[in-house]
Amino acid sequence: LRQCLVTRSGRLLGIITKKDVLRHMAQMANQDPESIMFN
């Protein structure tokens, strides 16, 4: 799974990607998001 549609009440809010999720996880762990290897 590379992309996920984000909806609320049937309306499209946006698209998130695997990279977006990994970047967010790094920020929550107080790491530099650019230091993560994306495969």
Protein backbone atom coordinates (compact mmCIF):
# COMPACT_ATOMS: atom_id res chain seq x y z
CA LEU A 1 0.00 0.00 0.00
CA ARG A 2 1.61 3.24 -1.13
CA GLN A 3 -1.22 5.76 -0.84
CA CYS A 4 -4.32 6.15 1.27
CA LEU A 5 -7.30 8.43 0.67
CA VAL A 6 -8.35 10.41 3.74
CA THR A 7 -12.07 11.18 3.96
CA ARG A 8 -14.48 12.67 6.47
CA SER A 9 -18.23 12.29 6.06
CA GLY A 10 -17.71 11.02 2.53
CA ARG A 11 -15.66 14.03 1.40
CA LEU A 12 -12.08 13.64 0.26
CA LEU A 13 -9.66 15.53 2.52
CA GLY A 14 -6.41 14.37 0.97
CA ILE A 15 -4.00 11.59 0.16
CA ILE A 16 -1.26 10.37 2.46
CA THR A 17 1.68 8.25 1.34
CA LYS A 18 3.95 5.73 2.99
CA LYS A 19 6.64 8.44 3.15
CA ASP A 20 4.22 10.78 4.93
CA VAL A 21 3.55 8.12 7.59
CA LEU A 22 7.27 7.35 8.08
CA ARG A 23 8.09 11.06 8.28
CA HIS A 24 5.36 11.60 10.90
CA MET A 25 6.59 8.62 12.96
CA ALA A 26 10.12 10.07 12.94
CA GLN A 27 8.83 13.45 14.12
CA MET A 28 6.93 11.80 16.97
CA ALA A 29 10.14 10.00 18.00
CA ASN A 30 12.10 13.30 17.88
CA GLN A 31 14.26 12.10 15.01
CA ASP A 32 15.29 14.01 11.91
CA PRO A 33 12.68 12.98 9.29
CA GLU A 34 15.24 13.33 6.50
CA SER A 35 17.52 10.74 8.15
CA ILE A 36 15.07 7.89 7.53
CA MET A 37 15.73 5.61 4.58
CA PHE A 38 12.62 5.23 2.41
CA ASN A 39 12.39 1.88 0.64
